[in-house]
N, C-alpha and C. Protein backbone atom coordinates (compact mmCIF):
# COMPACT_ATOMS: atom_id res chain seq x y z
N MET A 1 18.45 14.46 -13.48
CA MET A 1 18.45 13.17 -14.12
C MET A 1 18.32 13.39 -15.62
N PHE A 2 19.13 12.68 -16.34
CA PHE A 2 19.08 12.74 -17.79
C PHE A 2 18.68 11.37 -18.31
N VAL A 3 17.76 11.34 -19.27
CA VAL A 3 17.35 10.09 -19.91
C VAL A 3 17.69 10.21 -21.38
N ARG A 4 18.46 9.26 -21.87
CA ARG A 4 18.86 9.26 -23.27
C ARG A 4 17.70 8.72 -24.12
N LEU A 5 17.24 9.53 -25.06
CA LEU A 5 16.11 9.14 -25.90
C LEU A 5 16.54 8.60 -27.25
N THR A 6 17.73 8.97 -27.70
CA THR A 6 18.24 8.48 -28.99
C THR A 6 19.67 7.99 -28.81
N SER A 7 20.15 7.20 -29.75
CA SER A 7 21.53 6.74 -29.68
C SER A 7 22.44 7.74 -30.38
N ASP A 8 23.72 7.70 -30.02
CA ASP A 8 24.67 8.59 -30.70
C ASP A 8 25.13 7.93 -31.99
N PRO A 9 25.79 8.67 -32.89
CA PRO A 9 26.19 8.10 -34.18
C PRO A 9 27.12 6.89 -34.06
N SER A 10 27.95 6.82 -33.01
CA SER A 10 28.87 5.69 -32.88
C SER A 10 28.15 4.42 -32.44
N GLY A 11 26.96 4.58 -31.85
CA GLY A 11 26.19 3.42 -31.41
C GLY A 11 26.56 2.93 -30.02
N LYS A 12 27.51 3.61 -29.36
CA LYS A 12 27.93 3.19 -28.02
C LYS A 12 26.90 3.55 -26.96
N ARG A 13 26.23 4.65 -27.13
CA ARG A 13 25.24 5.10 -26.15
C ARG A 13 23.84 4.79 -26.67
N ARG A 14 23.22 3.81 -26.01
CA ARG A 14 21.90 3.36 -26.47
C ARG A 14 20.80 4.17 -25.81
N PRO A 15 19.64 4.30 -26.47
CA PRO A 15 18.52 5.00 -25.85
C PRO A 15 17.93 4.19 -24.70
N GLY A 16 17.28 4.90 -23.76
CA GLY A 16 16.64 4.25 -22.63
C GLY A 16 17.50 4.16 -21.40
N LYS A 17 18.71 4.70 -21.45
CA LYS A 17 19.59 4.71 -20.29
C LYS A 17 19.46 6.06 -19.58
N TRP A 18 19.60 6.06 -18.25
CA TRP A 18 19.51 7.31 -17.49
C TRP A 18 20.78 7.51 -16.69
N THR A 19 21.05 8.78 -16.39
CA THR A 19 22.19 9.16 -15.57
C THR A 19 21.75 10.23 -14.59
N ASP A 20 22.10 10.06 -13.33
CA ASP A 20 21.81 11.06 -12.31
C ASP A 20 22.98 12.03 -12.27
N ALA A 21 22.73 13.29 -12.59
CA ALA A 21 23.80 14.28 -12.65
C ALA A 21 24.39 14.58 -11.28
N ALA A 22 23.61 14.44 -10.22
CA ALA A 22 24.09 14.78 -8.88
C ALA A 22 25.01 13.70 -8.31
N THR A 23 24.66 12.43 -8.53
CA THR A 23 25.42 11.35 -7.90
C THR A 23 26.26 10.53 -8.87
N GLY A 24 25.98 10.65 -10.16
CA GLY A 24 26.71 9.87 -11.14
C GLY A 24 26.16 8.47 -11.32
N GLU A 25 25.07 8.14 -10.63
CA GLU A 25 24.46 6.82 -10.80
C GLU A 25 23.86 6.73 -12.20
N HIS A 26 23.75 5.53 -12.69
CA HIS A 26 23.16 5.32 -14.01
C HIS A 26 22.45 3.98 -14.04
N GLY A 27 21.60 3.83 -15.01
CA GLY A 27 20.86 2.58 -15.12
C GLY A 27 19.97 2.58 -16.34
N ASP A 28 19.10 1.61 -16.36
CA ASP A 28 18.18 1.41 -17.47
C ASP A 28 16.86 2.12 -17.17
N LEU A 29 16.11 2.41 -18.20
CA LEU A 29 14.81 3.04 -18.02
C LEU A 29 13.85 2.13 -17.26
N LEU A 30 14.07 0.82 -17.32
CA LEU A 30 13.24 -0.10 -16.57
C LEU A 30 13.40 0.08 -15.06
N ASP A 31 14.57 0.56 -14.61
CA ASP A 31 14.77 0.86 -13.19
C ASP A 31 13.81 1.94 -12.74
N VAL A 32 13.67 2.97 -13.55
CA VAL A 32 12.76 4.07 -13.23
C VAL A 32 11.32 3.58 -13.21
N ILE A 33 10.94 2.78 -14.19
CA ILE A 33 9.58 2.26 -14.27
C ILE A 33 9.28 1.38 -13.06
N ARG A 34 10.26 0.59 -12.61
CA ARG A 34 10.07 -0.28 -11.44
C ARG A 34 9.81 0.55 -10.19
N GLU A 35 10.55 1.64 -10.01
CA GLU A 35 10.35 2.48 -8.83
C GLU A 35 8.97 3.14 -8.86
N VAL A 36 8.55 3.62 -10.00
CA VAL A 36 7.23 4.24 -10.12
C VAL A 36 6.14 3.20 -9.87
N GLY A 37 6.35 1.99 -10.37
CA GLY A 37 5.39 0.91 -10.14
C GLY A 37 5.28 0.53 -8.68
N ALA A 38 6.41 0.57 -7.96
CA ALA A 38 6.39 0.24 -6.53
C ALA A 38 5.59 1.26 -5.74
N VAL A 39 5.77 2.53 -6.07
CA VAL A 39 5.01 3.58 -5.38
C VAL A 39 3.52 3.45 -5.70
N THR A 40 3.20 3.18 -6.94
CA THR A 40 1.79 3.02 -7.34
C THR A 40 1.17 1.82 -6.61
N LEU A 41 1.89 0.73 -6.54
CA LEU A 41 1.38 -0.46 -5.84
C LEU A 41 1.18 -0.17 -4.35
N ALA A 42 2.08 0.58 -3.76
CA ALA A 42 1.94 0.92 -2.34
C ALA A 42 0.70 1.79 -2.11
N LEU A 43 0.45 2.73 -2.99
CA LEU A 43 -0.74 3.58 -2.86
C LEU A 43 -2.02 2.77 -3.03
N LEU A 44 -2.04 1.86 -4.00
CA LEU A 44 -3.22 1.03 -4.21
C LEU A 44 -3.46 0.08 -3.02
N THR A 45 -2.40 -0.47 -2.48
CA THR A 45 -2.53 -1.37 -1.33
C THR A 45 -3.03 -0.61 -0.11
N GLY A 46 -2.52 0.60 0.10
CA GLY A 46 -3.00 1.42 1.21
C GLY A 46 -4.46 1.77 1.07
N GLY A 47 -4.89 2.08 -0.14
CA GLY A 47 -6.31 2.36 -0.38
C GLY A 47 -7.19 1.16 -0.13
N ALA A 48 -6.72 -0.01 -0.54
CA ALA A 48 -7.48 -1.24 -0.31
C ALA A 48 -7.59 -1.55 1.19
N ALA A 49 -6.51 -1.32 1.94
CA ALA A 49 -6.54 -1.55 3.38
C ALA A 49 -7.50 -0.57 4.07
N LEU A 50 -7.50 0.67 3.62
CA LEU A 50 -8.42 1.65 4.19
C LEU A 50 -9.88 1.27 3.91
N ALA A 51 -10.15 0.82 2.69
CA ALA A 51 -11.51 0.40 2.35
C ALA A 51 -11.93 -0.81 3.18
N ALA A 52 -11.01 -1.76 3.37
CA ALA A 52 -11.33 -2.94 4.18
C ALA A 52 -11.60 -2.56 5.63
N ALA A 53 -10.83 -1.62 6.16
CA ALA A 53 -11.05 -1.19 7.54
C ALA A 53 -12.39 -0.48 7.69
N ARG A 54 -12.75 0.35 6.74
CA ARG A 54 -14.03 1.06 6.83
C ARG A 54 -15.21 0.09 6.76
N ILE A 55 -15.10 -0.90 5.89
CA ILE A 55 -16.17 -1.90 5.78
C ILE A 55 -16.27 -2.71 7.08
N ALA A 56 -15.11 -3.12 7.61
CA ALA A 56 -15.12 -3.91 8.85
C ALA A 56 -15.70 -3.11 10.01
N PHE A 57 -15.33 -1.82 10.11
CA PHE A 57 -15.87 -1.00 11.19
C PHE A 57 -17.37 -0.80 11.06
N SER A 58 -17.85 -0.74 9.82
CA SER A 58 -19.30 -0.56 9.66
C SER A 58 -20.07 -1.84 10.00
N LEU A 59 -19.43 -3.00 9.88
CA LEU A 59 -20.10 -4.26 10.15
C LEU A 59 -20.01 -4.68 11.62
N ILE A 60 -18.96 -4.28 12.31
CA ILE A 60 -18.76 -4.68 13.71
C ILE A 60 -19.30 -3.59 14.62
N GLN A 61 -20.18 -3.97 15.56
CA GLN A 61 -20.80 -3.00 16.45
C GLN A 61 -20.28 -3.06 17.89
N THR A 62 -19.67 -4.18 18.28
CA THR A 62 -19.17 -4.35 19.64
C THR A 62 -17.93 -3.49 19.87
N PRO A 63 -17.93 -2.65 20.91
CA PRO A 63 -16.77 -1.77 21.14
C PRO A 63 -15.45 -2.51 21.34
N PHE A 64 -15.48 -3.64 22.05
CA PHE A 64 -14.23 -4.38 22.26
C PHE A 64 -13.67 -4.92 20.95
N LEU A 65 -14.55 -5.48 20.10
CA LEU A 65 -14.09 -6.00 18.82
C LEU A 65 -13.61 -4.87 17.90
N ARG A 66 -14.23 -3.71 18.00
CA ARG A 66 -13.76 -2.55 17.22
C ARG A 66 -12.36 -2.13 17.68
N PHE A 67 -12.12 -2.20 19.00
CA PHE A 67 -10.81 -1.86 19.53
C PHE A 67 -9.75 -2.83 19.00
N ILE A 68 -10.06 -4.13 19.01
CA ILE A 68 -9.13 -5.14 18.48
C ILE A 68 -8.88 -4.90 17.00
N LEU A 69 -9.91 -4.60 16.26
CA LEU A 69 -9.78 -4.32 14.83
C LEU A 69 -8.91 -3.08 14.60
N ALA A 70 -9.11 -2.07 15.42
CA ALA A 70 -8.29 -0.86 15.29
C ALA A 70 -6.82 -1.18 15.55
N LEU A 71 -6.55 -2.02 16.54
CA LEU A 71 -5.16 -2.42 16.80
C LEU A 71 -4.56 -3.18 15.62
N LEU A 72 -5.37 -4.04 15.01
CA LEU A 72 -4.88 -4.82 13.87
C LEU A 72 -4.49 -3.92 12.69
N PHE A 73 -5.17 -2.80 12.53
CA PHE A 73 -4.86 -1.91 11.41
C PHE A 73 -3.82 -0.85 11.77
N THR A 74 -3.77 -0.42 13.03
CA THR A 74 -2.87 0.68 13.37
C THR A 74 -1.48 0.22 13.80
N ALA A 75 -1.35 -0.96 14.36
CA ALA A 75 -0.03 -1.43 14.81
C ALA A 75 0.97 -1.55 13.65
N PRO A 76 0.62 -2.18 12.53
CA PRO A 76 1.58 -2.23 11.42
C PRO A 76 1.88 -0.83 10.85
N ALA A 77 0.90 0.03 10.84
CA ALA A 77 1.14 1.38 10.34
C ALA A 77 2.11 2.14 11.24
N ALA A 78 1.97 1.96 12.54
CA ALA A 78 2.89 2.62 13.47
C ALA A 78 4.31 2.09 13.30
N LEU A 79 4.46 0.79 13.12
CA LEU A 79 5.79 0.22 12.91
C LEU A 79 6.40 0.70 11.59
N ALA A 80 5.59 0.78 10.55
CA ALA A 80 6.09 1.27 9.27
C ALA A 80 6.51 2.74 9.36
N GLY A 81 5.72 3.53 10.06
CA GLY A 81 6.07 4.93 10.25
C GLY A 81 7.37 5.09 11.02
N TYR A 82 7.57 4.27 12.03
CA TYR A 82 8.81 4.29 12.78
C TYR A 82 10.00 3.93 11.89
N ALA A 83 9.84 2.89 11.08
CA ALA A 83 10.93 2.46 10.20
C ALA A 83 11.28 3.54 9.18
N VAL A 84 10.27 4.19 8.63
CA VAL A 84 10.53 5.26 7.66
C VAL A 84 11.23 6.43 8.33
N THR A 85 10.77 6.82 9.50
CA THR A 85 11.39 7.93 10.22
C THR A 85 12.84 7.61 10.57
N ARG A 86 13.08 6.41 11.03
CA ARG A 86 14.45 6.03 11.38
C ARG A 86 15.34 5.98 10.14
N GLY A 87 14.81 5.49 9.03
CA GLY A 87 15.59 5.45 7.80
C GLY A 87 15.92 6.84 7.28
N LEU A 88 14.95 7.74 7.31
CA LEU A 88 15.21 9.11 6.86
C LEU A 88 16.19 9.82 7.79
N ALA A 89 16.10 9.56 9.08
CA ALA A 89 17.05 10.16 10.01
C ALA A 89 18.46 9.65 9.74
N ALA A 90 18.59 8.37 9.42
CA ALA A 90 19.90 7.81 9.12
C ALA A 90 20.49 8.41 7.85
N LEU A 91 19.64 8.74 6.90
CA LEU A 91 20.12 9.35 5.65
C LEU A 91 20.58 10.79 5.86
N THR A 92 19.94 11.49 6.77
CA THR A 92 20.25 12.92 6.92
C THR A 92 21.31 13.21 7.98
N MET A 93 21.59 12.27 8.88
CA MET A 93 22.57 12.51 9.92
C MET A 93 23.95 12.04 9.46
N PRO A 94 24.98 12.83 9.73
CA PRO A 94 26.32 12.39 9.37
C PRO A 94 26.77 11.23 10.23
N SER A 95 27.53 10.35 9.64
CA SER A 95 27.99 9.17 10.39
C SER A 95 29.31 9.41 11.10
């Protein structure tokens, strides 16, 4: 990936644009910042969910209610893991 930091003398190529050398894709530097922000937000959300689950498990003592709580936290994670695995498999398998 190449990121243009300065403009050329003709002024046609402005700074802040990126080009992917492997695929030829190109875009604005804000595209890169958006992707990094999405990953950061996902990590923060995952950490908040983990903290909420730990607090809830420490407050709930009944085994049945703990089981229900565990299902509430693990079912979406299992579905997300399945979706990611299926998406990565689709990217790597020839059509």
